[in-house]
Amino acid sequence: MLVAMARRLLLVSTSTVFGTRFLEHAFPDLREVLEGVGRVLFIPHALRDHAGYAATARAAFQEIGFGLDSLHEAKDPRQAVLDAEAIFCGGGNTFRLLDRLVRLDVLDAIRSRAVEGMPYTGASAGSNLACPTIMTTNDMPIVEPPSLDALGLVSFQINPHYLDPVAGSMHMGETRETRIREFHEENDVPVVGLREGAILRVEGDAIELKGRAGARIFRRGRDPVELTPVASIAELVA
């Protein structure tokens, strides 16, 4: 899977942090990454209500000075991607998102545009989509995409909404850390557990942890590494 070296990415753990409005916590970073962009192409396909989701996203982006078009409104989705100045891919169910984009035949177009340096931004499922695969999503497979392969814009996996085990909890089910360790029983790809409010800014080869919360980096056969913003993580996920 190709990793873009002209990357200009913003990968957000969640669209909404408690006590804030949609994407409000990411507004400063979105403004920076989208500098020079007039309109953003929104991908709402991780949710079923495309029109309602687009209305929410449009209001947020207009607030910070950007127009927004939604992919579900495009007569020619592939051409809309090829013409886009920037993309924001919303959250929801990652399996549905990947399945719909494959069906629309736009996945390779998104990848090629991002390789060329078009800003790709996303939250939750949209962040998962930037990874080599969607294997570290938290979502149920409510649909079956032809493959789990995603955009491969980064060489590592993301687990958005990462939660630490609750001290003293009597819950006997698997923790998020357990699930990631299971992933590493079969795969040798670093996983970045992004807590709520955490953001990854990728500019070329530089990868920076930003936002309001930290991250935990898991690598096969090694102890997890705990990081707080602002921190460079490129060497840890190479």
Foldseek 3Di string as FASTA:
>chain_A
DDAALQAWEKEAQAQDDPPDAGNPLVLVVVCVSCPPFAEEEEEAQLDPPQVVVQVRVQVVVVVSHHGYDYLVPDPQSQVCLLPGQAYEYEDHALLRSQQVCVVSVNQVSNLVVRSVNRYYYYYQSSNQQCDQFNLQEPHDNPDHHPDRGHNHNDDAGEYGQADDDDPPDPDPDDHSVRSVLVVLVPDFFKYKYAHHQWMWTDGRLWIWIDGDFWIWIDGRPDDIDTDGPTDTCSVVGD
